């Protein structure tokens, strides 16, 4: 059962190449997490008691299937088969999961957002993915800035050259994306963080 939004706390696999694909939300084994088992039971009961759907419920289901999670832990855009996006060719990317497993994509496609450049829309279909993922990394590589606003204020994506950010104080944390890496990191070493901030 895929669980988008889970945070990877420990670095699990450090032997893969930087150019590989990976995605931080992962599929947990049934015995790994009691909370997961409870959720699965609730979902099972809900599905068993769910009455026959009408056209409004089907529309709502389709709308949910078309929603994408904006994910800073995904190296590429990964879409579920339920989005039914047009097939643009075969895809055989090996996607590494933090639990040590891997899965291959099946086809290439494009996100349905015409306001993005063609390269920024390139995506891959990942079998059994419950919630499609829009990669902050992919957007960044194509020149877009993604801003996550506080609480329920949403998220905005800006084209290069259209955004000016003004701050009144230095950042409370600062991370980096090393050359060749696909994702950003922030140091948990306070002394190292202070030295870096002082150098800046």
N, C-alpha and C. Protein backbone atom coordinates (compact mmCIF):
# COMPACT_ATOMS: atom_id res chain seq x y z
N UNK A 1 0.86 -1.19 0.00
CA UNK A 1 0.00 0.00 0.00
C UNK A 1 0.89 1.23 0.00
N UNK A 2 0.83 2.06 -1.01
CA UNK A 2 1.68 3.24 -1.12
C UNK A 2 1.23 4.28 -0.11
N UNK A 3 2.17 4.96 0.49
CA UNK A 3 1.83 5.97 1.49
C UNK A 3 2.60 7.26 1.21
N UNK A 4 2.11 8.11 0.29
CA UNK A 4 2.78 9.39 0.05
C UNK A 4 2.79 10.23 1.29
N UNK A 5 3.81 11.07 1.42
CA UNK A 5 3.88 11.98 2.53
C UNK A 5 4.68 11.48 3.70
N UNK A 6 5.10 10.21 3.73
CA UNK A 6 5.92 9.71 4.81
C UNK A 6 7.32 10.31 4.69
N UNK A 7 7.95 10.59 5.82
CA UNK A 7 9.26 11.21 5.80
C UNK A 7 10.31 10.16 6.09
N UNK A 8 11.36 10.15 5.29
CA UNK A 8 12.44 9.20 5.49
C UNK A 8 13.37 9.76 6.55
N UNK A 9 13.49 9.07 7.70
CA UNK A 9 14.30 9.57 8.81
C UNK A 9 15.73 9.07 8.74
N UNK A 10 15.95 7.88 8.21
CA UNK A 10 17.29 7.32 8.17
C UNK A 10 17.69 7.08 6.73
N UNK A 11 18.95 7.36 6.43
CA UNK A 11 19.43 7.10 5.08
C UNK A 11 19.61 5.60 4.95
N UNK A 12 18.85 4.96 4.05
CA UNK A 12 18.83 3.51 4.02
C UNK A 12 19.81 2.94 3.02
N UNK A 13 19.91 3.53 1.85
CA UNK A 13 20.75 2.95 0.81
C UNK A 13 21.71 4.00 0.29
N UNK A 14 22.99 3.86 0.57
CA UNK A 14 23.97 4.84 0.13
C UNK A 14 24.83 4.31 -0.99
N UNK A 15 24.50 3.12 -1.52
CA UNK A 15 25.35 2.51 -2.53
C UNK A 15 24.90 2.79 -3.95
N UNK A 16 23.69 3.36 -4.14
CA UNK A 16 23.25 3.59 -5.51
C UNK A 16 23.89 4.85 -6.09
N UNK A 17 23.92 4.95 -7.40
CA UNK A 17 24.51 6.10 -8.07
C UNK A 17 23.64 7.33 -7.90
N UNK A 18 24.28 8.51 -7.97
CA UNK A 18 23.54 9.76 -7.82
C UNK A 18 22.49 9.94 -8.90
N UNK A 19 22.72 9.35 -10.07
CA UNK A 19 21.82 9.55 -11.20
C UNK A 19 20.58 8.67 -11.13
N UNK A 20 20.50 7.80 -10.14
CA UNK A 20 19.34 6.91 -10.06
C UNK A 20 18.13 7.68 -9.60
N UNK A 21 16.99 7.06 -9.78
CA UNK A 21 15.72 7.67 -9.39
C UNK A 21 15.27 7.08 -8.07
N UNK A 22 14.69 7.92 -7.26
CA UNK A 22 14.10 7.39 -6.04
C UNK A 22 12.99 8.30 -5.56
N UNK A 23 12.26 7.76 -4.58
CA UNK A 23 11.06 8.44 -4.12
C UNK A 23 10.92 8.14 -2.64
N UNK A 24 10.83 9.17 -1.81
CA UNK A 24 10.84 8.95 -0.37
C UNK A 24 9.60 8.28 0.21
N UNK A 25 8.36 8.63 -0.19
CA UNK A 25 7.24 7.86 0.36
C UNK A 25 7.34 6.41 -0.09
N UNK A 26 7.07 5.49 0.80
CA UNK A 26 7.31 4.10 0.44
C UNK A 26 6.17 3.19 0.84
N UNK A 27 6.22 2.01 0.29
CA UNK A 27 5.23 0.99 0.63
C UNK A 27 5.75 0.22 1.83
N UNK A 28 5.00 0.25 2.93
CA UNK A 28 5.43 -0.43 4.13
C UNK A 28 4.90 -1.86 4.14
N UNK A 29 5.71 -2.77 4.68
CA UNK A 29 5.23 -4.13 4.88
C UNK A 29 4.16 -4.10 5.96
N UNK A 30 3.27 -5.07 5.94
CA UNK A 30 2.16 -5.07 6.88
C UNK A 30 2.62 -5.15 8.33
N UNK A 31 3.76 -5.82 8.58
CA UNK A 31 4.20 -5.97 9.96
C UNK A 31 5.17 -4.89 10.40
N UNK A 32 5.44 -3.89 9.55
CA UNK A 32 6.39 -2.87 9.92
C UNK A 32 5.80 -1.80 10.82
N UNK A 33 4.51 -1.53 10.67
CA UNK A 33 3.95 -0.39 11.36
C UNK A 33 2.53 -0.70 11.82
N UNK A 34 2.33 -0.69 13.16
CA UNK A 34 1.01 -1.00 13.69
C UNK A 34 -0.03 -0.02 13.21
N UNK A 35 0.39 1.25 13.13
CA UNK A 35 -0.55 2.28 12.69
C UNK A 35 -1.03 2.00 11.28
N UNK A 36 -0.13 1.51 10.42
CA UNK A 36 -0.50 1.16 9.06
C UNK A 36 -1.55 0.06 9.06
N UNK A 37 -1.36 -0.94 9.95
CA UNK A 37 -2.31 -2.05 10.01
C UNK A 37 -3.69 -1.54 10.38
N UNK A 38 -3.73 -0.61 11.35
CA UNK A 38 -5.01 -0.06 11.77
C UNK A 38 -5.67 0.68 10.62
N UNK A 39 -4.88 1.46 9.89
CA UNK A 39 -5.42 2.22 8.76
C UNK A 39 -5.97 1.27 7.71
N UNK A 40 -5.23 0.20 7.44
CA UNK A 40 -5.67 -0.76 6.44
C UNK A 40 -7.00 -1.40 6.87
N UNK A 41 -7.12 -1.72 8.16
CA UNK A 41 -8.35 -2.31 8.66
C UNK A 41 -9.52 -1.34 8.48
N UNK A 42 -9.28 -0.06 8.82
CA UNK A 42 -10.33 0.95 8.68
C UNK A 42 -10.75 1.05 7.23
N UNK A 43 -9.77 1.11 6.32
CA UNK A 43 -10.07 1.20 4.90
C UNK A 43 -10.85 -0.03 4.43
N UNK A 44 -10.47 -1.19 4.95
CA UNK A 44 -11.14 -2.43 4.56
C UNK A 44 -12.60 -2.40 4.98
N UNK A 45 -12.84 -1.98 6.23
CA UNK A 45 -14.20 -1.91 6.74
C UNK A 45 -15.00 -0.90 5.94
N UNK A 46 -14.38 0.26 5.67
CA UNK A 46 -15.07 1.30 4.91
C UNK A 46 -15.46 0.79 3.53
N UNK A 47 -14.54 0.08 2.88
CA UNK A 47 -14.82 -0.44 1.54
C UNK A 47 -15.93 -1.48 1.56
N UNK A 48 -15.97 -2.29 2.62
CA UNK A 48 -17.00 -3.32 2.70
C UNK A 48 -18.38 -2.71 2.92
N UNK A 49 -18.43 -1.59 3.70
CA UNK A 49 -19.70 -0.98 4.03
C UNK A 49 -20.14 0.06 3.00
N UNK A 50 -19.24 0.39 2.08
CA UNK A 50 -19.54 1.44 1.12
C UNK A 50 -20.70 1.04 0.21
N UNK A 51 -21.72 1.88 0.13
CA UNK A 51 -22.84 1.54 -0.74
C UNK A 51 -22.46 1.70 -2.21
N UNK A 52 -23.32 1.24 -3.05
CA UNK A 52 -23.09 1.34 -4.49
C UNK A 52 -22.92 2.81 -4.86
N UNK A 53 -21.88 3.12 -5.66
CA UNK A 53 -21.59 4.52 -5.95
C UNK A 53 -22.56 5.07 -7.00
N UNK A 54 -22.84 6.35 -6.88
CA UNK A 54 -23.64 7.02 -7.90
C UNK A 54 -22.71 7.87 -8.76
N UNK A 55 -23.25 8.61 -9.71
CA UNK A 55 -22.40 9.35 -10.65
C UNK A 55 -21.60 10.45 -9.95
N UNK A 56 -22.13 11.04 -8.86
CA UNK A 56 -21.41 12.10 -8.15
C UNK A 56 -20.20 11.52 -7.43
N UNK A 57 -20.36 10.36 -6.85
CA UNK A 57 -19.24 9.70 -6.18
C UNK A 57 -18.16 9.32 -7.19
N UNK A 58 -18.58 8.86 -8.36
CA UNK A 58 -17.61 8.50 -9.41
C UNK A 58 -16.85 9.74 -9.87
N UNK A 59 -17.55 10.87 -9.99
CA UNK A 59 -16.87 12.11 -10.38
C UNK A 59 -15.85 12.52 -9.32
N UNK A 60 -16.24 12.40 -8.05
CA UNK A 60 -15.33 12.75 -6.96
C UNK A 60 -14.11 11.85 -6.98
N UNK A 61 -14.31 10.56 -7.22
CA UNK A 61 -13.19 9.62 -7.29
C UNK A 61 -12.25 9.99 -8.42
N UNK A 62 -12.82 10.32 -9.59
CA UNK A 62 -11.98 10.73 -10.73
C UNK A 62 -11.20 11.99 -10.41
N UNK A 63 -11.84 12.93 -9.69
CA UNK A 63 -11.17 14.18 -9.34
C UNK A 63 -9.99 13.90 -8.41
N UNK A 64 -10.16 13.00 -7.45
CA UNK A 64 -9.08 12.63 -6.53
C UNK A 64 -7.94 11.98 -7.30
N UNK A 65 -8.28 11.12 -8.26
CA UNK A 65 -7.25 10.44 -9.05
C UNK A 65 -6.43 11.42 -9.87
N UNK A 66 -6.99 12.58 -10.21
CA UNK A 66 -6.30 13.57 -11.03
C UNK A 66 -5.45 14.51 -10.17
N UNK A 67 -5.59 14.45 -8.85
CA UNK A 67 -4.80 15.31 -7.97
C UNK A 67 -3.39 14.75 -7.84
N UNK A 68 -2.40 15.66 -7.73
CA UNK A 68 -1.01 15.24 -7.60
C UNK A 68 -0.42 15.81 -6.31
N UNK A 69 0.40 15.03 -5.64
CA UNK A 69 1.12 15.49 -4.46
C UNK A 69 2.41 16.15 -4.94
N UNK A 70 2.67 17.36 -4.48
CA UNK A 70 3.93 18.03 -4.82
C UNK A 70 4.97 17.53 -3.84
N UNK A 71 5.96 16.82 -4.36
CA UNK A 71 6.87 16.03 -3.53
C UNK A 71 8.33 16.44 -3.75
N UNK A 72 8.97 16.91 -2.69
CA UNK A 72 10.39 17.28 -2.79
C UNK A 72 11.29 16.07 -2.66
N UNK A 73 10.71 14.89 -2.39
CA UNK A 73 11.51 13.67 -2.25
C UNK A 73 11.47 12.78 -3.47
N UNK A 74 10.84 13.23 -4.55
CA UNK A 74 10.79 12.45 -5.79
C UNK A 74 11.74 13.06 -6.80
N UNK A 75 12.54 12.23 -7.45
CA UNK A 75 13.52 12.75 -8.42
C UNK A 75 12.89 13.08 -9.76
N UNK A 76 11.73 12.48 -10.07
CA UNK A 76 11.01 12.74 -11.32
C UNK A 76 9.52 12.78 -11.02
N UNK A 77 8.74 13.25 -12.00
CA UNK A 77 7.28 13.17 -11.87
C UNK A 77 6.87 11.71 -12.06
N UNK A 78 6.11 11.16 -11.11
CA UNK A 78 5.62 9.79 -11.21
C UNK A 78 4.09 9.82 -11.16
N UNK A 79 3.45 9.25 -12.17
CA UNK A 79 2.00 9.30 -12.28
C UNK A 79 1.39 7.91 -12.09
N UNK A 80 0.20 7.89 -11.53
CA UNK A 80 -0.52 6.63 -11.39
C UNK A 80 -1.19 6.29 -12.71
N UNK A 81 -1.50 5.01 -12.89
CA UNK A 81 -2.18 4.58 -14.11
C UNK A 81 -3.59 5.15 -14.18
N UNK A 82 -4.18 5.45 -13.01
CA UNK A 82 -5.56 5.95 -12.96
C UNK A 82 -5.70 7.34 -13.56
N UNK A 83 -4.59 8.09 -13.70
CA UNK A 83 -4.68 9.42 -14.30
C UNK A 83 -4.99 9.35 -15.79
N UNK A 84 -4.71 8.17 -16.38
CA UNK A 84 -5.01 7.93 -17.79
C UNK A 84 -4.44 9.00 -18.70
N UNK A 85 -3.16 9.33 -18.49
CA UNK A 85 -2.48 10.29 -19.34
C UNK A 85 -2.04 9.61 -20.63
N UNK A 86 -1.88 10.37 -21.71
CA UNK A 86 -1.51 9.75 -22.99
C UNK A 86 -0.14 9.10 -22.94
N UNK A 87 -0.03 7.93 -23.56
CA UNK A 87 1.24 7.20 -23.61
C UNK A 87 2.12 7.82 -24.68
N UNK A 88 3.38 8.13 -24.30
CA UNK A 88 4.31 8.77 -25.22
C UNK A 88 5.53 7.90 -25.48
N UNK A 89 5.44 6.66 -25.15
CA UNK A 89 6.56 5.76 -25.36
C UNK A 89 6.80 4.89 -24.14
N UNK A 90 7.70 3.94 -24.31
CA UNK A 90 8.03 3.03 -23.21
C UNK A 90 8.97 3.72 -22.22
N UNK A 91 8.91 3.27 -20.98
CA UNK A 91 9.82 3.77 -19.94
C UNK A 91 10.25 2.59 -19.09
N UNK A 92 11.50 2.57 -18.72
CA UNK A 92 12.03 1.46 -17.93
C UNK A 92 12.95 1.96 -16.83
N UNK A 93 12.57 3.10 -16.22
CA UNK A 93 13.39 3.65 -15.14
C UNK A 93 13.28 2.76 -13.91
N UNK A 94 14.41 2.53 -13.27
CA UNK A 94 14.41 1.79 -12.01
C UNK A 94 14.33 2.80 -10.87
N UNK A 95 13.25 2.73 -10.11
CA UNK A 95 13.00 3.69 -9.04
C UNK A 95 13.29 3.00 -7.71
N UNK A 96 14.22 3.58 -6.95
CA UNK A 96 14.61 3.01 -5.66
C UNK A 96 13.75 3.57 -4.54
N UNK A 97 13.29 2.67 -3.68
CA UNK A 97 12.51 3.05 -2.51
C UNK A 97 13.40 2.96 -1.27
N UNK A 98 13.12 3.77 -0.26
CA UNK A 98 13.97 3.77 0.94
C UNK A 98 13.97 2.46 1.71
N UNK A 99 12.98 1.59 1.49
CA UNK A 99 12.96 0.32 2.21
C UNK A 99 13.83 -0.73 1.53
N UNK A 100 14.59 -0.31 0.50
CA UNK A 100 15.50 -1.23 -0.17
C UNK A 100 14.92 -1.87 -1.41
N UNK A 101 13.62 -1.76 -1.61
CA UNK A 101 12.99 -2.32 -2.80
C UNK A 101 13.12 -1.36 -3.98
N UNK A 102 12.82 -1.85 -5.16
CA UNK A 102 12.82 -1.00 -6.34
C UNK A 102 11.67 -1.44 -7.24
N UNK A 103 11.26 -0.54 -8.11
CA UNK A 103 10.17 -0.81 -9.03
C UNK A 103 10.46 -0.06 -10.32
N UNK A 104 10.00 -0.61 -11.45
CA UNK A 104 10.27 0.01 -12.75
C UNK A 104 9.03 0.73 -13.29
N UNK A 105 9.29 1.86 -13.94
CA UNK A 105 8.21 2.57 -14.62
C UNK A 105 7.83 1.82 -15.89
N UNK A 106 6.64 2.08 -16.41
CA UNK A 106 6.16 1.33 -17.58
C UNK A 106 6.05 2.17 -18.84
N UNK A 107 5.74 3.47 -18.70
CA UNK A 107 5.63 4.29 -19.90
C UNK A 107 5.95 5.75 -19.61
N UNK A 108 6.29 6.47 -20.66
CA UNK A 108 6.52 7.91 -20.57
C UNK A 108 5.21 8.63 -20.86
N UNK A 109 5.03 9.78 -20.22
CA UNK A 109 3.84 10.59 -20.45
C UNK A 109 4.19 12.05 -20.15
N UNK A 110 3.21 12.92 -20.17
CA UNK A 110 3.41 14.34 -19.84
C UNK A 110 2.33 14.79 -18.87
N UNK A 111 2.71 15.66 -17.95
CA UNK A 111 1.73 16.23 -17.03
C UNK A 111 0.75 17.10 -17.81
N UNK A 112 -0.50 17.18 -17.36
CA UNK A 112 -1.52 17.94 -18.10
C UNK A 112 -1.52 19.44 -17.78
N UNK A 113 -0.34 20.04 -17.61
CA UNK A 113 -0.24 21.46 -17.27
C UNK A 113 0.47 22.19 -18.41
N UNK A 114 -0.31 22.78 -19.30
CA UNK A 114 0.24 23.42 -20.48
C UNK A 114 1.09 24.65 -20.13
N UNK A 115 0.89 25.22 -18.95
CA UNK A 115 1.65 26.42 -18.57
C UNK A 115 3.11 26.10 -18.23
N UNK A 116 3.43 24.82 -18.06
CA UNK A 116 4.81 24.40 -17.85
C UNK A 116 5.47 24.11 -19.19
N UNK A 117 6.80 24.21 -19.23
CA UNK A 117 7.53 23.87 -20.47
C UNK A 117 7.40 22.38 -20.75
N UNK A 118 7.67 22.01 -21.99
CA UNK A 118 7.54 20.61 -22.39
C UNK A 118 8.43 19.71 -21.54
N UNK A 119 9.69 20.14 -21.32
CA UNK A 119 10.63 19.33 -20.53
C UNK A 119 10.19 19.23 -19.07
N UNK A 120 9.59 20.30 -18.54
CA UNK A 120 9.14 20.29 -17.14
C UNK A 120 7.94 19.39 -16.95
N UNK A 121 7.24 19.03 -18.03
CA UNK A 121 6.05 18.19 -17.95
C UNK A 121 6.37 16.70 -18.11
N UNK A 122 7.59 16.35 -18.49
CA UNK A 122 7.95 14.95 -18.71
C UNK A 122 7.73 14.13 -17.45
N UNK A 123 7.04 13.00 -17.60
CA UNK A 123 6.69 12.18 -16.44
C UNK A 123 6.74 10.70 -16.81
N UNK A 124 6.65 9.85 -15.77
CA UNK A 124 6.70 8.40 -15.96
C UNK A 124 5.57 7.76 -15.16
N UNK A 125 4.98 6.73 -15.72
CA UNK A 125 3.91 6.00 -15.04
C UNK A 125 4.54 4.91 -14.18
N UNK A 126 4.16 4.90 -12.90
CA UNK A 126 4.67 3.93 -11.94
C UNK A 126 3.54 3.01 -11.52
N UNK A 127 3.64 1.70 -11.80
CA UNK A 127 2.55 0.77 -11.48
C UNK A 127 2.22 0.75 -9.98
N UNK A 128 0.95 0.60 -9.68
CA UNK A 128 0.45 0.48 -8.30
C UNK A 128 0.61 1.75 -7.47
N UNK A 129 0.96 2.85 -8.10
CA UNK A 129 1.06 4.12 -7.37
C UNK A 129 -0.33 4.65 -7.12
N UNK A 130 -0.65 4.90 -5.86
CA UNK A 130 -2.00 5.35 -5.51
C UNK A 130 -2.18 6.84 -5.75
N UNK A 131 -1.15 7.62 -5.47
CA UNK A 131 -1.24 9.08 -5.59
C UNK A 131 -0.11 9.58 -6.47
N UNK A 132 -0.43 10.27 -7.54
CA UNK A 132 0.58 10.78 -8.46
C UNK A 132 1.43 11.85 -7.78
N UNK A 133 2.70 11.91 -8.17
CA UNK A 133 3.67 12.79 -7.52
C UNK A 133 4.27 13.78 -8.52
N UNK A 134 4.22 15.06 -8.17
CA UNK A 134 4.89 16.09 -8.96
C UNK A 134 6.21 16.42 -8.28
N UNK A 135 7.30 16.26 -8.99
CA UNK A 135 8.63 16.38 -8.42
C UNK A 135 9.12 17.83 -8.36
N UNK A 136 9.42 18.31 -7.15
CA UNK A 136 10.03 19.63 -6.99
C UNK A 136 11.41 19.65 -7.65
N UNK A 137 12.12 18.52 -7.57
CA UNK A 137 13.43 18.42 -8.18
C UNK A 137 13.36 18.63 -9.69
N UNK A 138 12.41 17.98 -10.35
CA UNK A 138 12.25 18.11 -11.79
C UNK A 138 11.93 19.55 -12.17
N UNK A 139 11.03 20.17 -11.42
CA UNK A 139 10.67 21.56 -11.68
C UNK A 139 11.89 22.47 -11.50
N UNK A 140 12.66 22.23 -10.46
CA UNK A 140 13.85 23.02 -10.19
C UNK A 140 14.87 22.90 -11.33
N UNK A 141 15.07 21.67 -11.81
CA UNK A 141 16.02 21.45 -12.90
C UNK A 141 15.62 22.19 -14.17
N UNK A 142 14.32 22.43 -14.33
CA UNK A 142 13.84 23.12 -15.52
C UNK A 142 13.62 24.61 -15.27
N UNK A 143 14.14 25.11 -14.14
CA UNK A 143 14.14 26.55 -13.90
C UNK A 143 12.97 27.11 -13.11
N UNK A 144 12.18 26.27 -12.50
CA UNK A 144 11.02 26.74 -11.74
C UNK A 144 11.34 26.77 -10.25
N UNK A 145 10.76 27.74 -9.55
CA UNK A 145 10.90 27.85 -8.10
C UNK A 145 9.58 27.47 -7.45
N UNK A 146 9.63 26.54 -6.52
CA UNK A 146 8.43 26.10 -5.80
C UNK A 146 8.46 26.67 -4.39
N UNK A 147 7.39 27.34 -3.99
CA UNK A 147 7.31 27.94 -2.65
C UNK A 147 6.15 27.30 -1.89
N UNK A 148 6.47 26.70 -0.75
CA UNK A 148 5.45 26.15 0.14
C UNK A 148 5.11 27.23 1.17
N UNK A 149 3.89 27.71 1.13
CA UNK A 149 3.47 28.78 2.03
C UNK A 149 2.97 28.20 3.35
N UNK A 150 3.00 29.00 4.44
CA UNK A 150 2.62 28.47 5.76
C UNK A 150 1.17 27.96 5.82
N UNK A 151 0.99 26.95 6.66
CA UNK A 151 -0.32 26.38 6.98
C UNK A 151 -1.14 26.08 5.74
N UNK A 152 -2.33 26.67 5.61
CA UNK A 152 -3.23 26.35 4.50
C UNK A 152 -3.15 27.35 3.35
N UNK A 153 -2.04 28.07 3.26
CA UNK A 153 -1.92 29.10 2.23
C UNK A 153 -1.49 28.53 0.88
N UNK A 154 -1.20 27.23 0.84
CA UNK A 154 -0.95 26.60 -0.44
C UNK A 154 0.50 26.59 -0.88
N UNK A 155 0.69 26.29 -2.15
CA UNK A 155 2.02 26.21 -2.74
C UNK A 155 1.94 26.88 -4.11
N UNK A 156 3.00 27.59 -4.49
CA UNK A 156 3.03 28.26 -5.79
C UNK A 156 4.30 27.86 -6.53
N UNK A 157 4.19 27.80 -7.86
CA UNK A 157 5.33 27.45 -8.71
C UNK A 157 5.55 28.61 -9.66
N UNK A 158 6.79 29.11 -9.71
CA UNK A 158 7.10 30.32 -10.46
C UNK A 158 8.15 30.05 -11.54
N UNK A 159 7.95 30.67 -12.69
CA UNK A 159 8.88 30.57 -13.80
C UNK A 159 10.12 31.41 -13.51
N UNK A 160 11.26 30.96 -13.99
CA UNK A 160 12.51 31.70 -13.80
C UNK A 160 12.37 33.13 -14.34
N UNK A 161 12.88 34.09 -13.55
CA UNK A 161 12.85 35.49 -13.96
C UNK A 161 11.59 36.23 -13.60
N UNK A 162 10.62 35.54 -12.98
CA UNK A 162 9.35 36.21 -12.64
C UNK A 162 9.18 36.39 -11.14
N UNK A 163 10.19 36.03 -10.36
CA UNK A 163 10.04 36.02 -8.90
C UNK A 163 11.18 36.80 -8.24
N UNK A 164 10.81 37.69 -7.31
CA UNK A 164 11.78 38.39 -6.48
C UNK A 164 11.42 38.13 -5.03
N UNK A 165 12.36 37.62 -4.25
CA UNK A 165 12.11 37.33 -2.84
C UNK A 165 12.88 38.31 -1.97
N UNK A 166 12.18 38.97 -1.09
CA UNK A 166 12.80 39.91 -0.16
C UNK A 166 12.56 39.40 1.26
N UNK A 167 13.62 39.34 2.06
CA UNK A 167 13.49 38.88 3.44
C UNK A 167 13.96 39.97 4.40
N UNK A 168 13.40 39.97 5.61
CA UNK A 168 13.78 40.96 6.62
C UNK A 168 14.83 40.42 7.58
N UNK A 169 14.98 39.09 7.60
CA UNK A 169 15.98 38.46 8.47
C UNK A 169 16.61 37.30 7.72
N UNK A 170 17.80 36.86 8.15
CA UNK A 170 18.43 35.69 7.52
C UNK A 170 17.57 34.44 7.72
N UNK A 171 17.74 33.41 6.90
CA UNK A 171 16.95 32.18 7.06
C UNK A 171 17.24 31.49 8.38
N UNK A 172 16.25 30.81 8.93
CA UNK A 172 16.45 30.06 10.18
C UNK A 172 17.20 28.76 9.91
N UNK A 173 17.09 28.22 8.70
CA UNK A 173 17.85 27.04 8.28
C UNK A 173 18.27 27.24 6.83
N UNK A 174 19.37 26.61 6.46
CA UNK A 174 19.81 26.68 5.07
C UNK A 174 20.36 25.33 4.65
N UNK A 175 19.87 24.83 3.55
CA UNK A 175 20.33 23.55 3.04
C UNK A 175 21.02 23.73 1.70
N UNK A 176 21.34 22.61 1.07
CA UNK A 176 22.04 22.69 -0.22
C UNK A 176 21.67 21.49 -1.07
N UNK A 177 21.99 21.61 -2.35
CA UNK A 177 21.84 20.52 -3.29
C UNK A 177 23.19 20.39 -3.97
N UNK A 178 23.97 19.40 -3.52
CA UNK A 178 25.33 19.24 -4.03
C UNK A 178 25.31 18.88 -5.51
N UNK A 179 26.37 19.22 -6.20
CA UNK A 179 26.49 18.91 -7.62
C UNK A 179 26.36 17.40 -7.82
N UNK A 180 25.47 17.00 -8.73
CA UNK A 180 25.26 15.58 -9.00
C UNK A 180 24.17 14.96 -8.17
N UNK A 181 23.75 15.62 -7.07
CA UNK A 181 22.66 15.10 -6.25
C UNK A 181 21.32 15.46 -6.86
N UNK A 182 20.31 14.71 -6.49
CA UNK A 182 18.96 14.97 -7.00
C UNK A 182 18.06 15.67 -5.99
N UNK A 183 18.43 15.61 -4.72
CA UNK A 183 17.59 16.19 -3.69
C UNK A 183 18.41 17.09 -2.77
N UNK A 184 17.72 17.88 -1.97
CA UNK A 184 18.37 18.83 -1.08
C UNK A 184 18.58 18.21 0.29
N UNK A 185 19.60 18.69 0.99
CA UNK A 185 19.86 18.23 2.36
C UNK A 185 20.14 19.43 3.24
N UNK A 186 19.90 19.25 4.54
CA UNK A 186 20.25 20.26 5.53
C UNK A 186 21.02 19.55 6.62
N UNK A 187 22.09 20.18 7.11
CA UNK A 187 22.94 19.54 8.11
C UNK A 187 22.28 19.57 9.48
N UNK A 188 22.33 18.44 10.19
CA UNK A 188 21.80 18.37 11.55
C UNK A 188 22.88 18.71 12.57
N UNK A 189 24.09 18.98 12.11
CA UNK A 189 25.19 19.36 12.98
C UNK A 189 25.11 20.86 13.23
N UNK A 190 24.78 21.27 14.47
CA UNK A 190 24.57 22.68 14.77
C UNK A 190 25.84 23.50 14.55
N UNK A 191 26.98 22.94 14.97
CA UNK A 191 28.23 23.69 14.81
C UNK A 191 28.54 23.90 13.34
N UNK A 192 28.34 22.86 12.55
CA UNK A 192 28.59 22.96 11.11
C UNK A 192 27.66 23.99 10.49
N UNK A 193 26.39 23.97 10.93
CA UNK A 193 25.44 24.94 10.41
C UNK A 193 25.83 26.37 10.74
N UNK A 194 26.34 26.59 11.98
CA UNK A 194 26.76 27.93 12.38
C UNK A 194 27.95 28.38 11.56
N UNK A 195 28.91 27.48 11.34
CA UNK A 195 30.08 27.84 10.55
C UNK A 195 29.68 28.21 9.14
N UNK A 196 28.79 27.45 8.56
CA UNK A 196 28.35 27.72 7.20
C UNK A 196 27.63 29.07 7.14
N UNK A 197 26.79 29.33 8.14
CA UNK A 197 26.05 30.60 8.15
C UNK A 197 27.02 31.78 8.30
N UNK A 198 28.04 31.63 9.17
CA UNK A 198 29.02 32.70 9.37
C UNK A 198 29.81 32.94 8.10
N UNK A 199 30.16 31.85 7.39
CA UNK A 199 30.89 32.02 6.14
C UNK A 199 30.05 32.76 5.11
N UNK A 200 28.75 32.44 5.10
CA UNK A 200 27.86 33.12 4.16
C UNK A 200 27.78 34.59 4.51
